[in-house]
Amino acid sequence: MSGQLFQDLKHSFLSAANPTRAKGMEAYMRHQFVYFGIASPIRKELERKVFANYNKYDFPTIEEFVLSCWAEDQREWKYAALDYTQKFQNKLGLEVLPLFEELIGDQSWWDTVDCIAPNILGKMLLKHPTVFREKSLQWIESDNFWYQRAAIILQLFYRDKTDFNLMQRLILKHADSKEFFIQKASGWALRQYSKTNPRAVRKFIETNALSSLTRREGLRLLEK
């Protein structure tokens, strides 16, 4: 079934390809990836029409489709793989963890990592707190900063279920990092949690040596 799903979407993508738009999209992503040139609203509508014919949750189908998409050059395939998986977000379990954990480090950039970590895996792991903590502590020790970023933003949407002690530990682990994507992730996580516990976030920022970017991002909602 995943083979037909892939072919159906391929036909739609090829029909909607826009080489002129692709140049701008590639420039925005620093020419690291190639694109069909399909604007996000158009791509999502194409996906909606194709995905409507594939409504049964079946992990082997998802896995085969995701890997087929990841093997393609155009970046829109990665977005389609993630969108199709999220169609079944409420049904996802630990069976998806090995696949998406590997993909965090495969052809990585913020566009894929920032979907896989807080959305696909983060929302699923909220139901598995022991595994969530285990993976957070494992990824933060990685030499690959995309896994470090994934650890920091994994509980981005946990709100009052956020383990703030763990978040602080993860952020402080790489507080001296010069990597933009780590500084930005730390600030993003703090800003998001400031919606739930502004006093705790302000106190953490004021009492720890953090990069100016992390501080600025973390305090953004608190200094309006």
N, C-alpha and C. Protein backbone atom coordinates (compact mmCIF):
# COMPACT_ATOMS: atom_id res chain seq x y z
N MET A 1 0.82 -1.21 0.00
CA MET A 1 0.00 0.00 0.00
C MET A 1 0.85 1.26 0.00
N SER A 2 1.98 1.24 0.73
CA SER A 2 2.83 2.43 0.78
C SER A 2 3.42 2.76 -0.58
N GLY A 3 3.64 1.70 -1.40
CA GLY A 3 4.17 1.93 -2.74
C GLY A 3 3.20 2.73 -3.58
N GLN A 4 1.92 2.41 -3.48
CA GLN A 4 0.91 3.14 -4.23
C GLN A 4 0.75 4.55 -3.69
N LEU A 5 0.81 4.69 -2.37
CA LEU A 5 0.75 6.00 -1.74
C LEU A 5 1.87 6.88 -2.26
N PHE A 6 3.06 6.34 -2.30
CA PHE A 6 4.22 7.09 -2.79
C PHE A 6 4.02 7.51 -4.24
N GLN A 7 3.57 6.59 -5.08
CA GLN A 7 3.37 6.89 -6.50
C GLN A 7 2.29 7.93 -6.71
N ASP A 8 1.21 7.83 -5.94
CA ASP A 8 0.13 8.81 -6.06
C ASP A 8 0.64 10.21 -5.73
N LEU A 9 1.42 10.31 -4.66
CA LEU A 9 1.93 11.61 -4.25
C LEU A 9 2.99 12.11 -5.24
N LYS A 10 3.78 11.20 -5.75
CA LYS A 10 4.80 11.58 -6.73
C LYS A 10 4.17 12.22 -7.95
N HIS A 11 3.09 11.64 -8.43
CA HIS A 11 2.38 12.20 -9.58
C HIS A 11 1.91 13.63 -9.28
N SER A 12 1.36 13.84 -8.08
CA SER A 12 0.88 15.16 -7.69
C SER A 12 2.03 16.16 -7.57
N PHE A 13 3.12 15.74 -6.97
CA PHE A 13 4.27 16.63 -6.79
C PHE A 13 4.87 17.03 -8.13
N LEU A 14 5.03 16.06 -9.02
CA LEU A 14 5.62 16.36 -10.33
C LEU A 14 4.74 17.32 -11.12
N SER A 15 3.44 17.18 -10.98
CA SER A 15 2.51 18.05 -11.70
C SER A 15 2.54 19.48 -11.18
N ALA A 16 2.87 19.63 -9.90
CA ALA A 16 2.84 20.95 -9.27
C ALA A 16 4.22 21.61 -9.18
N ALA A 17 5.25 20.96 -9.66
CA ALA A 17 6.62 21.49 -9.55
C ALA A 17 6.74 22.86 -10.21
N ASN A 18 7.48 23.74 -9.54
CA ASN A 18 7.67 25.10 -10.03
C ASN A 18 9.15 25.45 -9.91
N PRO A 19 9.93 25.26 -10.98
CA PRO A 19 11.38 25.48 -10.92
C PRO A 19 11.78 26.88 -10.48
N THR A 20 10.98 27.88 -10.84
CA THR A 20 11.30 29.25 -10.45
C THR A 20 11.18 29.42 -8.94
N ARG A 21 10.08 28.93 -8.39
CA ARG A 21 9.90 29.01 -6.94
C ARG A 21 10.95 28.16 -6.22
N ALA A 22 11.34 27.05 -6.83
CA ALA A 22 12.33 26.16 -6.21
C ALA A 22 13.63 26.89 -5.94
N LYS A 23 14.03 27.78 -6.83
CA LYS A 23 15.29 28.51 -6.65
C LYS A 23 15.25 29.34 -5.37
N GLY A 24 14.13 30.00 -5.12
CA GLY A 24 14.00 30.81 -3.92
C GLY A 24 13.99 29.96 -2.66
N MET A 25 13.31 28.81 -2.72
CA MET A 25 13.25 27.92 -1.58
C MET A 25 14.62 27.34 -1.26
N GLU A 26 15.37 27.03 -2.29
CA GLU A 26 16.71 26.49 -2.10
C GLU A 26 17.65 27.54 -1.53
N ALA A 27 17.50 28.78 -1.98
CA ALA A 27 18.33 29.86 -1.45
C ALA A 27 18.03 30.08 0.03
N TYR A 28 16.75 30.02 0.41
CA TYR A 28 16.35 30.21 1.81
C TYR A 28 16.98 29.15 2.71
N MET A 29 17.15 27.95 2.18
CA MET A 29 17.76 26.86 2.95
C MET A 29 19.26 26.73 2.69
N ARG A 30 19.85 27.85 2.27
CA ARG A 30 21.30 27.95 2.08
C ARG A 30 21.83 26.94 1.06
N HIS A 31 21.01 26.59 0.10
CA HIS A 31 21.39 25.69 -0.99
C HIS A 31 21.90 24.33 -0.51
N GLN A 32 21.36 23.90 0.62
CA GLN A 32 21.72 22.58 1.14
C GLN A 32 20.86 21.47 0.55
N PHE A 33 19.65 21.86 0.07
CA PHE A 33 18.70 20.88 -0.41
C PHE A 33 18.08 21.37 -1.72
N VAL A 34 17.51 20.43 -2.46
CA VAL A 34 16.79 20.80 -3.68
C VAL A 34 15.29 20.68 -3.41
N TYR A 35 14.51 21.41 -4.20
CA TYR A 35 13.07 21.46 -4.01
C TYR A 35 12.34 21.28 -5.34
N PHE A 36 11.11 20.81 -5.25
CA PHE A 36 10.21 20.85 -6.40
C PHE A 36 9.77 22.28 -6.66
N GLY A 37 9.71 23.06 -5.60
CA GLY A 37 9.22 24.43 -5.72
C GLY A 37 7.73 24.53 -5.47
N ILE A 38 7.22 23.69 -4.57
CA ILE A 38 5.79 23.68 -4.26
C ILE A 38 5.57 24.45 -2.95
N ALA A 39 4.81 25.51 -3.03
CA ALA A 39 4.52 26.31 -1.83
C ALA A 39 3.80 25.45 -0.81
N SER A 40 4.03 25.75 0.46
CA SER A 40 3.49 24.93 1.54
C SER A 40 1.97 24.73 1.47
N PRO A 41 1.17 25.79 1.25
CA PRO A 41 -0.29 25.57 1.18
C PRO A 41 -0.69 24.64 0.04
N ILE A 42 -0.02 24.77 -1.08
CA ILE A 42 -0.32 23.90 -2.23
C ILE A 42 0.09 22.47 -1.93
N ARG A 43 1.28 22.32 -1.34
CA ARG A 43 1.76 20.97 -1.00
C ARG A 43 0.81 20.29 -0.02
N LYS A 44 0.37 21.02 0.97
CA LYS A 44 -0.52 20.43 1.97
C LYS A 44 -1.86 20.02 1.36
N GLU A 45 -2.34 20.80 0.40
CA GLU A 45 -3.59 20.44 -0.26
C GLU A 45 -3.42 19.19 -1.12
N LEU A 46 -2.29 19.08 -1.80
CA LEU A 46 -1.99 17.88 -2.58
C LEU A 46 -1.92 16.66 -1.66
N GLU A 47 -1.24 16.84 -0.54
CA GLU A 47 -1.13 15.74 0.43
C GLU A 47 -2.51 15.35 0.96
N ARG A 48 -3.32 16.35 1.28
CA ARG A 48 -4.64 16.06 1.84
C ARG A 48 -5.46 15.17 0.90
N LYS A 49 -5.42 15.50 -0.37
CA LYS A 49 -6.19 14.73 -1.34
C LYS A 49 -5.67 13.30 -1.47
N VAL A 50 -4.36 13.14 -1.48
CA VAL A 50 -3.78 11.80 -1.61
C VAL A 50 -3.95 11.01 -0.32
N PHE A 51 -3.63 11.64 0.80
CA PHE A 51 -3.68 10.94 2.10
C PHE A 51 -5.11 10.51 2.46
N ALA A 52 -6.10 11.19 1.90
CA ALA A 52 -7.49 10.85 2.22
C ALA A 52 -7.83 9.42 1.84
N ASN A 53 -7.06 8.86 0.94
CA ASN A 53 -7.31 7.48 0.50
C ASN A 53 -6.55 6.45 1.33
N TYR A 54 -5.80 6.94 2.32
CA TYR A 54 -4.97 6.05 3.14
C TYR A 54 -5.18 6.40 4.61
N ASN A 55 -6.24 5.87 5.17
CA ASN A 55 -6.68 6.28 6.51
C ASN A 55 -6.41 5.26 7.61
N LYS A 56 -5.94 4.09 7.28
CA LYS A 56 -5.73 3.05 8.29
C LYS A 56 -4.32 3.16 8.86
N TYR A 57 -4.24 3.20 10.19
CA TYR A 57 -2.91 3.24 10.82
C TYR A 57 -2.25 1.88 10.72
N ASP A 58 -1.10 1.87 10.11
CA ASP A 58 -0.32 0.65 9.96
C ASP A 58 1.14 1.06 9.95
N PHE A 59 1.86 0.76 11.02
CA PHE A 59 3.23 1.26 11.12
C PHE A 59 4.15 0.77 10.00
N PRO A 60 4.10 -0.50 9.58
CA PRO A 60 4.96 -0.90 8.46
C PRO A 60 4.73 -0.06 7.20
N THR A 61 3.48 0.34 6.97
CA THR A 61 3.19 1.20 5.83
C THR A 61 3.82 2.57 6.02
N ILE A 62 3.68 3.12 7.22
CA ILE A 62 4.28 4.42 7.52
C ILE A 62 5.80 4.35 7.36
N GLU A 63 6.40 3.32 7.92
CA GLU A 63 7.85 3.20 7.86
C GLU A 63 8.34 3.11 6.42
N GLU A 64 7.70 2.30 5.62
CA GLU A 64 8.12 2.15 4.23
C GLU A 64 7.94 3.45 3.47
N PHE A 65 6.83 4.12 3.70
CA PHE A 65 6.59 5.40 3.03
C PHE A 65 7.60 6.45 3.46
N VAL A 66 7.85 6.55 4.76
CA VAL A 66 8.80 7.54 5.28
C VAL A 66 10.19 7.30 4.71
N LEU A 67 10.63 6.06 4.70
CA LEU A 67 11.97 5.76 4.17
C LEU A 67 12.05 6.01 2.68
N SER A 68 10.97 5.75 1.95
CA SER A 68 10.95 6.05 0.52
C SER A 68 11.07 7.55 0.30
N CYS A 69 10.36 8.32 1.11
CA CYS A 69 10.43 9.78 1.00
C CYS A 69 11.83 10.29 1.34
N TRP A 70 12.41 9.72 2.37
CA TRP A 70 13.72 10.18 2.83
C TRP A 70 14.82 9.88 1.80
N ALA A 71 14.57 8.91 0.96
CA ALA A 71 15.56 8.54 -0.06
C ALA A 71 15.53 9.47 -1.26
N GLU A 72 14.50 10.30 -1.35
CA GLU A 72 14.37 11.23 -2.47
C GLU A 72 15.11 12.53 -2.18
N ASP A 73 15.51 13.22 -3.24
CA ASP A 73 16.30 14.43 -3.07
C ASP A 73 15.47 15.65 -2.66
N GLN A 74 14.31 15.81 -3.26
CA GLN A 74 13.54 17.03 -3.02
C GLN A 74 13.04 17.08 -1.57
N ARG A 75 13.19 18.26 -0.99
CA ARG A 75 12.88 18.41 0.44
C ARG A 75 11.40 18.23 0.74
N GLU A 76 10.55 18.51 -0.23
CA GLU A 76 9.11 18.33 -0.01
C GLU A 76 8.76 16.91 0.40
N TRP A 77 9.57 15.94 -0.03
CA TRP A 77 9.31 14.55 0.36
C TRP A 77 9.45 14.36 1.87
N LYS A 78 10.41 15.06 2.47
CA LYS A 78 10.57 14.94 3.93
C LYS A 78 9.33 15.50 4.63
N TYR A 79 8.84 16.63 4.13
CA TYR A 79 7.67 17.23 4.74
C TYR A 79 6.46 16.31 4.60
N ALA A 80 6.34 15.67 3.45
CA ALA A 80 5.22 14.74 3.24
C ALA A 80 5.30 13.56 4.18
N ALA A 81 6.50 13.04 4.39
CA ALA A 81 6.68 11.91 5.30
C ALA A 81 6.25 12.28 6.71
N LEU A 82 6.63 13.47 7.15
CA LEU A 82 6.30 13.91 8.50
C LEU A 82 4.81 14.23 8.62
N ASP A 83 4.25 14.83 7.58
CA ASP A 83 2.82 15.14 7.60
C ASP A 83 1.97 13.87 7.64
N TYR A 84 2.36 12.87 6.86
CA TYR A 84 1.58 11.63 6.84
C TYR A 84 1.65 10.94 8.21
N THR A 85 2.82 10.95 8.81
CA THR A 85 2.97 10.34 10.13
C THR A 85 2.09 11.05 11.16
N GLN A 86 2.06 12.38 11.09
CA GLN A 86 1.27 13.14 12.05
C GLN A 86 -0.24 12.98 11.85
N LYS A 87 -0.62 12.51 10.69
CA LYS A 87 -2.03 12.19 10.46
C LYS A 87 -2.52 11.17 11.48
N PHE A 88 -1.58 10.35 11.97
CA PHE A 88 -1.92 9.29 12.93
C PHE A 88 -1.32 9.56 14.31
N GLN A 89 -1.07 10.84 14.62
CA GLN A 89 -0.34 11.19 15.84
C GLN A 89 -0.91 10.52 17.08
N ASN A 90 -2.21 10.52 17.23
CA ASN A 90 -2.82 9.97 18.44
C ASN A 90 -2.69 8.46 18.56
N LYS A 91 -2.28 7.80 17.47
CA LYS A 91 -2.14 6.35 17.49
C LYS A 91 -0.69 5.90 17.59
N LEU A 92 0.23 6.85 17.51
CA LEU A 92 1.65 6.49 17.52
C LEU A 92 2.08 5.97 18.89
N GLY A 93 2.92 4.94 18.86
CA GLY A 93 3.48 4.38 20.08
C GLY A 93 4.98 4.24 19.96
N LEU A 94 5.57 3.52 20.88
CA LEU A 94 7.03 3.37 20.91
C LEU A 94 7.59 2.69 19.67
N GLU A 95 6.73 2.05 18.89
CA GLU A 95 7.21 1.39 17.67
C GLU A 95 7.83 2.38 16.68
N VAL A 96 7.45 3.67 16.76
CA VAL A 96 7.98 4.65 15.82
C VAL A 96 9.32 5.24 16.27
N LEU A 97 9.69 5.00 17.52
CA LEU A 97 10.88 5.65 18.08
C LEU A 97 12.17 5.34 17.33
N PRO A 98 12.50 4.07 17.05
CA PRO A 98 13.78 3.80 16.36
C PRO A 98 13.89 4.49 15.01
N LEU A 99 12.80 4.50 14.25
CA LEU A 99 12.81 5.12 12.93
C LEU A 99 13.07 6.61 13.03
N PHE A 100 12.30 7.31 13.83
CA PHE A 100 12.43 8.77 13.86
C PHE A 100 13.62 9.24 14.67
N GLU A 101 14.06 8.44 15.60
CA GLU A 101 15.31 8.76 16.29
C GLU A 101 16.47 8.77 15.30
N GLU A 102 16.49 7.82 14.41
CA GLU A 102 17.54 7.77 13.38
C GLU A 102 17.43 8.96 12.43
N LEU A 103 16.20 9.34 12.07
CA LEU A 103 16.01 10.40 11.09
C LEU A 103 16.35 11.78 11.65
N ILE A 104 16.39 11.93 12.97
CA ILE A 104 16.85 13.20 13.54
C ILE A 104 18.24 13.53 13.01
N GLY A 105 19.05 12.50 12.83
CA GLY A 105 20.43 12.71 12.38
C GLY A 105 20.67 12.46 10.91
N ASP A 106 19.62 12.34 10.12
CA ASP A 106 19.75 12.03 8.70
C ASP A 106 19.25 13.20 7.86
N GLN A 107 20.17 13.83 7.09
CA GLN A 107 19.83 14.99 6.26
C GLN A 107 19.17 16.08 7.12
N SER A 108 19.80 16.33 8.25
CA SER A 108 19.20 17.16 9.30
C SER A 108 19.25 18.64 8.99
N TRP A 109 18.19 19.31 9.36
CA TRP A 109 18.12 20.76 9.43
C TRP A 109 16.94 21.09 10.33
N TRP A 110 16.77 22.34 10.66
CA TRP A 110 15.73 22.70 11.61
C TRP A 110 14.34 22.29 11.13
N ASP A 111 14.12 22.27 9.82
CA ASP A 111 12.78 22.01 9.31
C ASP A 111 12.29 20.60 9.64
N THR A 112 13.19 19.63 9.64
CA THR A 112 12.79 18.27 9.98
C THR A 112 12.92 17.99 11.48
N VAL A 113 14.02 18.41 12.07
CA VAL A 113 14.25 18.14 13.49
C VAL A 113 13.18 18.79 14.36
N ASP A 114 12.77 19.99 14.01
CA ASP A 114 11.79 20.72 14.82
C ASP A 114 10.38 20.17 14.68
N CYS A 115 10.18 19.27 13.75
CA CYS A 115 8.92 18.55 13.65
C CYS A 115 9.02 17.20 14.35
N ILE A 116 10.10 16.49 14.08
CA ILE A 116 10.26 15.15 14.66
C ILE A 116 10.32 15.21 16.19
N ALA A 117 11.14 16.12 16.73
CA ALA A 117 11.38 16.10 18.18
C ALA A 117 10.14 16.51 18.99
N PRO A 118 9.66 17.74 18.89
CA PRO A 118 8.55 18.12 19.78
C PRO A 118 7.19 17.58 19.36
N ASN A 119 7.01 17.31 18.09
CA ASN A 119 5.71 16.87 17.60
C ASN A 119 5.60 15.35 17.57
N ILE A 120 6.22 14.72 16.60
CA ILE A 120 6.04 13.27 16.44
C ILE A 120 6.51 12.50 17.67
N LEU A 121 7.74 12.75 18.11
CA LEU A 121 8.26 11.99 19.25
C LEU A 121 7.86 12.60 20.58
N GLY A 122 7.93 13.91 20.69
CA GLY A 122 7.62 14.55 21.96
C GLY A 122 6.20 14.25 22.44
N LYS A 123 5.24 14.40 21.55
CA LYS A 123 3.85 14.15 21.93
C LYS A 123 3.61 12.68 22.25
N MET A 124 4.29 11.80 21.51
CA MET A 124 4.14 10.37 21.77
C MET A 124 4.79 10.00 23.10
N LEU A 125 5.97 10.54 23.38
CA LEU A 125 6.71 10.18 24.59
C LEU A 125 6.11 10.76 25.86
N LEU A 126 5.17 11.68 25.71
CA LEU A 126 4.47 12.19 26.89
C LEU A 126 3.75 11.04 27.60
N LYS A 127 3.40 10.02 26.84
CA LYS A 127 2.74 8.84 27.41
C LYS A 127 3.73 7.83 27.97
N HIS A 128 5.03 8.09 27.78
CA HIS A 128 6.08 7.15 28.21
C HIS A 128 7.18 7.94 28.91
N PRO A 129 6.92 8.45 30.11
CA PRO A 129 7.87 9.36 30.77
C PRO A 129 9.24 8.77 31.04
N THR A 130 9.33 7.48 31.30
CA THR A 130 10.64 6.88 31.55
C THR A 130 11.49 6.91 30.30
N VAL A 131 10.90 6.55 29.18
CA VAL A 131 11.63 6.56 27.91
C VAL A 131 11.95 8.00 27.51
N PHE A 132 11.01 8.91 27.73
CA PHE A 132 11.24 10.33 27.43
C PHE A 132 12.49 10.84 28.14
N ARG A 133 12.60 10.55 29.43
CA ARG A 133 13.76 11.03 30.20
C ARG A 133 15.04 10.35 29.72
N GLU A 134 14.95 9.07 29.45
CA GLU A 134 16.11 8.30 28.99
C GLU A 134 16.65 8.88 27.69
N LYS A 135 15.76 9.16 26.75
CA LYS A 135 16.20 9.68 25.46
C LYS A 135 16.71 11.11 25.58
N SER A 136 16.08 11.91 26.40
CA SER A 136 16.55 13.28 26.61
C SER A 136 17.99 13.30 27.10
N LEU A 137 18.27 12.48 28.08
CA LEU A 137 19.62 12.44 28.67
C LEU A 137 20.62 11.79 27.72
N GLN A 138 20.15 10.90 26.89
CA GLN A 138 21.04 10.27 25.90
C GLN A 138 21.40 11.24 24.78
N TRP A 139 20.39 11.90 24.25
CA TRP A 139 20.63 12.79 23.11
C TRP A 139 21.46 14.01 23.48
N ILE A 140 21.30 14.52 24.69
CA ILE A 140 22.04 15.73 25.08
C ILE A 140 23.54 15.45 25.15
N GLU A 141 23.92 14.18 25.27
CA GLU A 141 25.33 13.81 25.32
C GLU A 141 25.92 13.54 23.93
N SER A 142 25.09 13.60 22.91
CA SER A 142 25.54 13.31 21.56
C SER A 142 26.54 14.35 21.06
N ASP A 143 27.43 13.94 20.18
CA ASP A 143 28.35 14.87 19.53
C ASP A 143 27.65 15.62 18.39
N ASN A 144 26.49 15.13 18.01
CA ASN A 144 25.70 15.74 16.93
C ASN A 144 24.76 16.77 17.54
N PHE A 145 24.95 18.04 17.18
CA PHE A 145 24.15 19.08 17.85
C PHE A 145 22.66 19.00 17.50
N TRP A 146 22.31 18.28 16.44
CA TRP A 146 20.88 18.13 16.14
C TRP A 146 20.20 17.25 17.19
N TYR A 147 20.91 16.27 17.71
CA TYR A 147 20.34 15.47 18.80
C TYR A 147 20.28 16.28 20.09
N GLN A 148 21.29 17.12 20.30
CA GLN A 148 21.26 18.01 21.46
C GLN A 148 20.04 18.93 21.38
N ARG A 149 19.81 19.49 20.20
CA ARG A 149 18.63 20.36 20.00
C ARG A 149 17.34 19.58 20.24
N ALA A 150 17.30 18.35 19.71
CA ALA A 150 16.11 17.52 19.88
C ALA A 150 15.81 17.29 21.35
N ALA A 151 16.85 17.05 22.15
CA ALA A 151 16.66 16.83 23.58
C ALA A 151 16.05 18.07 24.25
N ILE A 152 16.54 19.23 23.88
CA ILE A 152 16.11 20.48 24.51
C ILE A 152 14.66 20.82 24.16
N ILE A 153 14.25 20.54 22.93
CA ILE A 153 12.89 20.93 22.52
C ILE A 153 11.89 19.77 22.55
N LEU A 154 12.31 18.62 23.05
CA LEU A 154 11.44 17.44 23.05
C LEU A 154 10.14 17.68 23.80
N GLN A 155 10.19 18.43 24.91
CA GLN A 155 8.98 18.68 25.70
C GLN A 155 8.45 20.09 25.48
N LEU A 156 8.66 20.59 24.29
CA LEU A 156 8.29 21.97 23.96
C LEU A 156 6.82 22.27 24.22
N PHE A 157 5.96 21.29 23.98
CA PHE A 157 4.51 21.53 24.10
C PHE A 157 3.89 20.82 25.31
N TYR A 158 4.71 20.55 26.34
CA TYR A 158 4.20 19.83 27.50
C TYR A 158 3.47 20.72 28.50
N ARG A 159 3.64 22.02 28.41
CA ARG A 159 2.96 22.96 29.28
C ARG A 159 3.14 22.59 30.76
N ASP A 160 2.02 22.35 31.47
CA ASP A 160 2.14 22.08 32.91
C ASP A 160 2.69 20.69 33.21
N LYS A 161 2.91 19.89 32.17
CA LYS A 161 3.53 18.57 32.35
C LYS A 161 5.04 18.63 32.10
N THR A 162 5.55 19.81 31.84
CA THR A 162 6.98 19.99 31.60
C THR A 162 7.80 19.60 32.82
N ASP A 163 8.86 18.85 32.60
CA ASP A 163 9.83 18.55 33.65
C ASP A 163 10.86 19.67 33.60
N PHE A 164 10.61 20.74 34.36
CA PHE A 164 11.47 21.92 34.27
C PHE A 164 12.85 21.66 34.85
N ASN A 165 12.94 20.81 35.85
CA ASN A 165 14.26 20.46 36.37
C ASN A 165 15.11 19.80 35.30
N LEU A 166 14.49 18.93 34.53
CA LEU A 166 15.21 18.28 33.44
C LEU A 166 15.57 19.29 32.36
N MET A 167 14.63 20.17 32.03
CA MET A 167 14.91 21.18 31.01
C MET A 167 16.12 22.02 31.41
N GLN A 168 16.18 22.44 32.66
CA GLN A 168 17.30 23.25 33.12
C GLN A 168 18.62 22.47 32.98
N ARG A 169 18.58 21.22 33.35
CA ARG A 169 19.77 20.37 33.24
C ARG A 169 20.24 20.27 31.79
N LEU A 170 19.32 20.09 30.88
CA LEU A 170 19.66 19.95 29.46
C LEU A 170 20.23 21.25 28.91
N ILE A 171 19.61 22.37 29.26
CA ILE A 171 20.08 23.66 28.76
C ILE A 171 21.47 23.98 29.31
N LEU A 172 21.66 23.74 30.59
CA LEU A 172 22.95 24.07 31.20
C LEU A 172 24.08 23.17 30.68
N LYS A 173 23.74 21.98 30.22
CA LYS A 173 24.75 21.07 29.68
C LYS A 173 25.52 21.72 28.54
N HIS A 174 24.84 22.52 27.74
CA HIS A 174 25.49 23.17 26.60
C HIS A 174 25.30 24.68 26.63
N ALA A 175 25.26 25.23 27.83
CA ALA A 175 25.05 26.67 27.97
C ALA A 175 26.19 27.48 27.36
N ASP A 176 27.37 26.88 27.25
CA ASP A 176 28.52 27.59 26.68
C ASP A 176 28.71 27.28 25.20
N SER A 177 27.75 26.59 24.60
CA SER A 177 27.85 26.25 23.19
C SER A 177 27.79 27.50 22.32
N LYS A 178 28.61 27.52 21.29
CA LYS A 178 28.59 28.64 20.33
C LYS A 178 27.65 28.35 19.17
N GLU A 179 27.07 27.16 19.16
CA GLU A 179 26.20 26.76 18.06
C GLU A 179 24.87 27.52 18.12
N PHE A 180 24.57 28.23 17.05
CA PHE A 180 23.34 29.01 16.97
C PHE A 180 22.10 28.17 17.27
N PHE A 181 22.03 26.97 16.69
CA PHE A 181 20.82 26.16 16.83
C PHE A 181 20.62 25.62 18.24
N ILE A 182 21.67 25.57 19.03
CA ILE A 182 21.54 25.18 20.44
C ILE A 182 21.11 26.37 21.27
N GLN A 183 21.74 27.51 21.06
CA GLN A 183 21.34 28.72 21.78
C GLN A 183 19.88 29.06 21.50
N LYS A 184 19.50 28.95 20.25
CA LYS A 184 18.13 29.27 19.85
C LYS A 184 17.13 28.28 20.46
N ALA A 185 17.48 27.00 20.44
CA ALA A 185 16.60 25.97 21.00
C ALA A 185 16.38 26.19 22.50
N SER A 186 17.45 26.54 23.20
CA SER A 186 17.34 26.78 24.64
C SER A 186 16.40 27.94 24.93
N GLY A 187 16.57 29.01 24.17
CA GLY A 187 15.69 30.16 24.35
C GLY A 187 14.25 29.85 23.99
N TRP A 188 14.07 29.06 22.95
CA TRP A 188 12.73 28.67 22.51
C TRP A 188 12.03 27.86 23.59
N ALA A 189 12.75 26.88 24.15
CA ALA A 189 12.17 26.05 25.20
C ALA A 189 11.78 26.89 26.42
N LEU A 190 12.65 27.81 26.79
CA LEU A 190 12.36 28.67 27.94
C LEU A 190 11.18 29.59 27.64
N ARG A 191 11.16 30.16 26.46
CA ARG A 191 10.04 31.04 26.09
C ARG A 191 8.71 30.30 26.13
N GLN A 192 8.72 29.09 25.60
CA GLN A 192 7.49 28.31 25.58
C GLN A 192 7.00 28.01 27.00
N TYR A 193 7.94 27.64 27.87
CA TYR A 193 7.55 27.30 29.25
C TYR A 193 7.18 28.55 30.04
N SER A 194 7.67 29.71 29.61
CA SER A 194 7.32 30.95 30.32
C SER A 194 5.83 31.24 30.23
N LYS A 195 5.14 30.63 29.27
CA LYS A 195 3.69 30.78 29.18
C LYS A 195 3.01 30.06 30.34
N THR A 196 3.68 29.06 30.89
CA THR A 196 3.13 28.26 31.98
C THR A 196 3.64 28.71 33.34
N ASN A 197 4.95 28.98 33.42
CA ASN A 197 5.55 29.34 34.70
C ASN A 197 6.56 30.47 34.48
N PRO A 198 6.08 31.69 34.29
CA PRO A 198 6.98 32.81 33.99
C PRO A 198 7.99 33.10 35.09
N ARG A 199 7.60 32.95 36.36
CA ARG A 199 8.52 33.25 37.46
C ARG A 199 9.70 32.29 37.47
N ALA A 200 9.44 31.02 37.23
CA ALA A 200 10.52 30.02 37.23
C ALA A 200 11.49 30.28 36.09
N VAL A 201 10.97 30.64 34.93
CA VAL A 201 11.82 30.90 33.77
C VAL A 201 12.68 32.14 34.02
N ARG A 202 12.07 33.20 34.52
CA ARG A 202 12.83 34.43 34.78
C ARG A 202 13.94 34.17 35.80
N LYS A 203 13.63 33.44 36.85
CA LYS A 203 14.62 33.15 37.88
C LYS A 203 15.78 32.34 37.30
N PHE A 204 15.46 31.34 36.46
CA PHE A 204 16.51 30.52 35.85
C PHE A 204 17.43 31.36 34.96
N ILE A 205 16.83 32.23 34.17
CA ILE A 205 17.62 33.06 33.26
C ILE A 205 18.49 34.04 34.04
N GLU A 206 17.94 34.61 35.09
CA GLU A 206 18.67 35.62 35.85
C GLU A 206 19.79 35.05 36.71
N THR A 207 19.73 33.76 37.00
CA THR A 207 20.72 33.17 37.93
C THR A 207 21.70 32.22 37.24
N ASN A 208 21.67 32.17 35.90
CA ASN A 208 22.59 31.29 35.19
C ASN A 208 23.27 32.03 34.03
N ALA A 209 24.48 31.59 33.71
CA ALA A 209 25.24 32.19 32.62
C ALA A 209 24.78 31.58 31.31
N LEU A 210 23.96 32.31 30.59
CA LEU A 210 23.42 31.85 29.32
C LEU A 210 23.85 32.80 28.21
N SER A 211 23.83 32.33 26.99
CA SER A 211 24.18 33.19 25.87
C SER A 211 23.16 34.32 25.74
N SER A 212 23.56 35.41 25.13
CA SER A 212 22.65 36.54 24.96
C SER A 212 21.45 36.14 24.10
N LEU A 213 21.67 35.26 23.12
CA LEU A 213 20.56 34.81 22.28
C LEU A 213 19.56 34.00 23.09
N THR A 214 20.05 33.09 23.92
CA THR A 214 19.16 32.29 24.76
C THR A 214 18.39 33.17 25.72
N ARG A 215 19.06 34.11 26.33
CA ARG A 215 18.40 35.02 27.28
C ARG A 215 17.33 35.84 26.57
N ARG A 216 17.68 36.39 25.43
CA ARG A 216 16.73 37.24 24.69
C ARG A 216 15.49 36.46 24.27
N GLU A 217 15.72 35.27 23.74
CA GLU A 217 14.59 34.43 23.31
C GLU A 217 13.75 33.98 24.50
N GLY A 218 14.41 33.61 25.58
CA GLY A 218 13.70 33.12 26.74
C GLY A 218 12.84 34.17 27.42
N LEU A 219 13.29 35.43 27.36
CA LEU A 219 12.58 36.52 28.03
C LEU A 219 11.59 37.25 27.13
N ARG A 220 11.51 36.85 25.89
CA ARG A 220 10.73 37.63 24.92
C ARG A 220 9.30 37.89 25.37
N LEU A 221 8.63 36.90 25.90
CA LEU A 221 7.23 37.06 26.31
C LEU A 221 7.10 37.73 27.67
N LEU A 222 8.20 37.80 28.40
CA LEU A 222 8.16 38.34 29.75
C LEU A 222 8.50 39.82 29.80
N GLU A 223 8.94 40.37 28.68
CA GLU A 223 9.37 41.76 28.67
C GLU A 223 8.52 42.61 27.73
N LYS A 224 7.34 42.12 27.44
CA LYS A 224 6.43 42.91 26.59
C LYS A 224 5.78 44.01 27.41
